[in-house]
Amino acid sequence: MPRVKLIPVQACLFIGLLFSGIAAAQDRRAEGLALTCYTCHSGRAVENGGIPSLEPLTREELIRRLTEFRAGAAEATVMDRISAAYTDEEIDIIADYITARNKGK
């Protein structure tokens, strides 16, 4: 079987494309997880005071609150059920995305 030889430039381009694809997929995953939060935590529901805004929360506060909801340690209407589906890793991803988005405003 013939061997394919890659020159260094081709190898670097291939590796760069591979990692950029992985990074893009991770960005889409983060966005998908976090944007579900904004279904309720934005717009009129927040303006009318019915649902808290995510904007003033730090990364640590978001992680703590989601973890408390998931454990049933915080009073909730639906957040206990929503957060029950998230892993620790997903909660970190959501907190990172939301705080980065808040800083960008």
C-alpha atoms as a PDB file:
ATOM      1  CA  MET A   1       0.000   0.000   0.000  1.00  0.00           C
ATOM      2  CA  PRO A   2       1.498   3.360  -0.974  1.00  0.00           C
ATOM      3  CA  ARG A   3       2.236   5.812   1.781  1.00  0.00           C
ATOM      4  CA  VAL A   4       0.969   9.335   1.568  1.00  0.00           C
ATOM      5  CA  LYS A   5       3.536  11.902   2.578  1.00  0.00           C
ATOM      6  CA  LEU A   6       2.300  15.202   3.861  1.00  0.00           C
ATOM      7  CA  ILE A   7       4.520  18.168   3.747  1.00  0.00           C
ATOM      8  CA  PRO A   8       4.577  20.247   6.943  1.00  0.00           C
ATOM      9  CA  VAL A   9       2.346  23.006   5.527  1.00  0.00           C
ATOM     10  CA  GLN A  10      -0.323  20.529   4.507  1.00  0.00           C
ATOM     11  CA  ALA A  11      -0.161  18.824   7.879  1.00  0.00           C
ATOM     12  CA  CYS A  12      -0.527  22.161   9.676  1.00  0.00           C
ATOM     13  CA  LEU A  13      -3.481  23.139   7.513  1.00  0.00           C
ATOM     14  CA  PHE A  14      -5.163  19.796   8.142  1.00  0.00           C
ATOM     15  CA  ILE A  15      -4.650  20.031  11.901  1.00  0.00           C
ATOM     16  CA  GLY A  16      -5.825  23.655  11.918  1.00  0.00           C
ATOM     17  CA  LEU A  17      -8.998  22.760  10.041  1.00  0.00           C
ATOM     18  CA  LEU A  18      -9.616  19.817  12.331  1.00  0.00           C
ATOM     19  CA  PHE A  19      -9.309  21.908  15.487  1.00  0.00           C
ATOM     20  CA  SER A  20     -11.321  24.802  14.075  1.00  0.00           C
ATOM     21  CA  GLY A  21     -14.119  22.353  13.313  1.00  0.00           C
ATOM     22  CA  ILE A  22     -13.979  21.004  16.841  1.00  0.00           C
ATOM     23  CA  ALA A  23     -13.986  24.527  18.290  1.00  0.00           C
ATOM     24  CA  ALA A  24     -16.942  25.510  16.107  1.00  0.00           C
ATOM     25  CA  ALA A  25     -18.880  22.436  17.243  1.00  0.00           C
ATOM     26  CA  GLN A  26     -18.119  23.267  20.887  1.00  0.00           C
ATOM     27  CA  ASP A  27     -19.267  26.860  20.343  1.00  0.00           C
ATOM     28  CA  ARG A  28     -22.529  25.630  18.805  1.00  0.00           C
ATOM     29  CA  ARG A  29     -23.060  23.237  21.712  1.00  0.00           C
ATOM     30  CA  ALA A  30     -22.491  26.035  24.240  1.00  0.00           C
ATOM     31  CA  GLU A  31     -24.805  28.356  22.365  1.00  0.00           C
ATOM     32  CA  GLY A  32     -27.490  25.689  22.074  1.00  0.00           C
ATOM     33  CA  LEU A  33     -27.372  24.877  25.778  1.00  0.00           C
ATOM     34  CA  ALA A  34     -27.343  28.488  26.959  1.00  0.00           C
ATOM     35  CA  LEU A  35     -29.833  29.962  24.533  1.00  0.00           C
ATOM     36  CA  THR A  36     -32.553  27.726  25.930  1.00  0.00           C
ATOM     37  CA  CYS A  37     -32.167  29.779  29.129  1.00  0.00           C
ATOM     38  CA  TYR A  38     -33.045  32.953  27.248  1.00  0.00           C
ATOM     39  CA  THR A  39     -36.365  31.480  26.154  1.00  0.00           C
ATOM     40  CA  CYS A  40     -37.676  32.485  29.580  1.00  0.00           C
ATOM     41  CA  HIS A  41     -34.963  34.719  31.052  1.00  0.00           C
ATOM     42  CA  SER A  42     -35.345  37.613  28.614  1.00  0.00           C
ATOM     43  CA  GLY A  43     -37.889  39.997  27.202  1.00  0.00           C
ATOM     44  CA  ARG A  44     -41.196  40.821  28.839  1.00  0.00           C
ATOM     45  CA  ALA A  45     -41.049  38.115  31.483  1.00  0.00           C
ATOM     46  CA  VAL A  46     -37.912  39.717  32.891  1.00  0.00           C
ATOM     47  CA  GLU A  47     -39.141  43.279  32.349  1.00  0.00           C
ATOM     48  CA  ASN A  48     -42.340  42.537  34.284  1.00  0.00           C
ATOM     49  CA  GLY A  49     -40.361  41.051  37.161  1.00  0.00           C
ATOM     50  CA  GLY A  50     -41.784  37.565  36.786  1.00  0.00           C
ATOM     51  CA  ILE A  51     -38.528  35.840  35.913  1.00  0.00           C
ATOM     52  CA  PRO A  52     -35.062  36.946  37.019  1.00  0.00           C
ATOM     53  CA  SER A  53     -32.573  38.299  34.521  1.00  0.00           C
ATOM     54  CA  LEU A  54     -29.343  36.388  33.960  1.00  0.00           C
ATOM     55  CA  GLU A  55     -27.343  39.554  33.287  1.00  0.00           C
ATOM     56  CA  PRO A  56     -26.245  40.446  36.830  1.00  0.00           C
ATOM     57  CA  LEU A  57     -25.153  36.890  37.696  1.00  0.00           C
ATOM     58  CA  THR A  58     -21.497  35.882  37.854  1.00  0.00           C
ATOM     59  CA  ARG A  59     -20.225  32.542  36.579  1.00  0.00           C
ATOM     60  CA  GLU A  60     -20.012  31.249  40.145  1.00  0.00           C
ATOM     61  CA  GLU A  61     -23.566  32.374  40.938  1.00  0.00           C
ATOM     62  CA  LEU A  62     -24.931  30.678  37.836  1.00  0.00           C
ATOM     63  CA  ILE A  63     -23.145  27.431  38.678  1.00  0.00           C
ATOM     64  CA  ARG A  64     -24.295  27.556  42.292  1.00  0.00           C
ATOM     65  CA  ARG A  65     -27.911  28.283  41.398  1.00  0.00           C
ATOM     66  CA  LEU A  66     -28.152  25.638  38.676  1.00  0.00           C
ATOM     67  CA  THR A  67     -26.524  23.079  40.966  1.00  0.00           C
ATOM     68  CA  GLU A  68     -28.906  23.965  43.813  1.00  0.00           C
ATOM     69  CA  PHE A  69     -31.924  23.682  41.509  1.00  0.00           C
ATOM     70  CA  ARG A  70     -30.672  20.334  40.230  1.00  0.00           C
ATOM     71  CA  ALA A  71     -30.213  19.031  43.785  1.00  0.00           C
ATOM     72  CA  GLY A  72     -33.646  20.274  44.867  1.00  0.00           C
ATOM     73  CA  ALA A  73     -31.998  22.627  47.369  1.00  0.00           C
ATOM     74  CA  ALA A  74     -33.576  25.789  45.930  1.00  0.00           C
ATOM     75  CA  GLU A  75     -37.220  26.698  45.562  1.00  0.00           C
ATOM     76  CA  ALA A  76     -38.292  26.420  41.949  1.00  0.00           C
ATOM     77  CA  THR A  77     -41.276  26.150  39.658  1.00  0.00           C
ATOM     78  CA  VAL A  78     -39.568  24.508  36.676  1.00  0.00           C
ATOM     79  CA  MET A  79     -35.838  25.090  37.134  1.00  0.00           C
ATOM     80  CA  ASP A  80     -35.445  21.961  39.264  1.00  0.00           C
ATOM     81  CA  ARG A  81     -36.724  19.842  36.374  1.00  0.00           C
ATOM     82  CA  ILE A  82     -34.783  21.718  33.699  1.00  0.00           C
ATOM     83  CA  SER A  83     -31.475  21.660  35.568  1.00  0.00           C
ATOM     84  CA  ALA A  84     -31.878  17.960  36.439  1.00  0.00           C
ATOM     85  CA  ALA A  85     -31.016  17.171  32.819  1.00  0.00           C
ATOM     86  CA  TYR A  86     -27.655  18.991  32.914  1.00  0.00           C
ATOM     87  CA  THR A  87     -24.319  17.437  33.806  1.00  0.00           C
ATOM     88  CA  ASP A  88     -21.676  19.370  35.753  1.00  0.00           C
ATOM     89  CA  GLU A  89     -19.842  19.923  32.471  1.00  0.00           C
ATOM     90  CA  GLU A  90     -22.949  21.335  30.795  1.00  0.00           C
ATOM     91  CA  ILE A  91     -23.607  23.656  33.734  1.00  0.00           C
ATOM     92  CA  ASP A  92     -20.027  24.959  33.383  1.00  0.00           C
ATOM     93  CA  ILE A  93     -20.548  25.447  29.639  1.00  0.00           C
ATOM     94  CA  ILE A  94     -23.809  27.335  30.216  1.00  0.00           C
ATOM     95  CA  ALA A  95     -22.243  29.559  32.896  1.00  0.00           C
ATOM     96  CA  ASP A  96     -19.245  30.326  30.667  1.00  0.00           C
ATOM     97  CA  TYR A  97     -21.443  31.219  27.714  1.00  0.00           C
ATOM     98  CA  ILE A  98     -23.853  33.414  29.677  1.00  0.00           C
ATOM     99  CA  THR A  99     -21.122  35.350  31.489  1.00  0.00           C
ATOM    100  CA  ALA A 100     -19.201  35.871  28.237  1.00  0.00           C
ATOM    101  CA  ARG A 101     -22.374  37.114  26.577  1.00  0.00           C
ATOM    102  CA  ASN A 102     -23.091  39.441  29.503  1.00  0.00           C
ATOM    103  CA  LYS A 103     -19.577  40.907  29.291  1.00  0.00           C
ATOM    104  CA  GLY A 104     -20.048  41.517  25.571  1.00  0.00           C
ATOM    105  CA  LYS A 105     -23.068  43.778  26.138  1.00  0.00           C
END
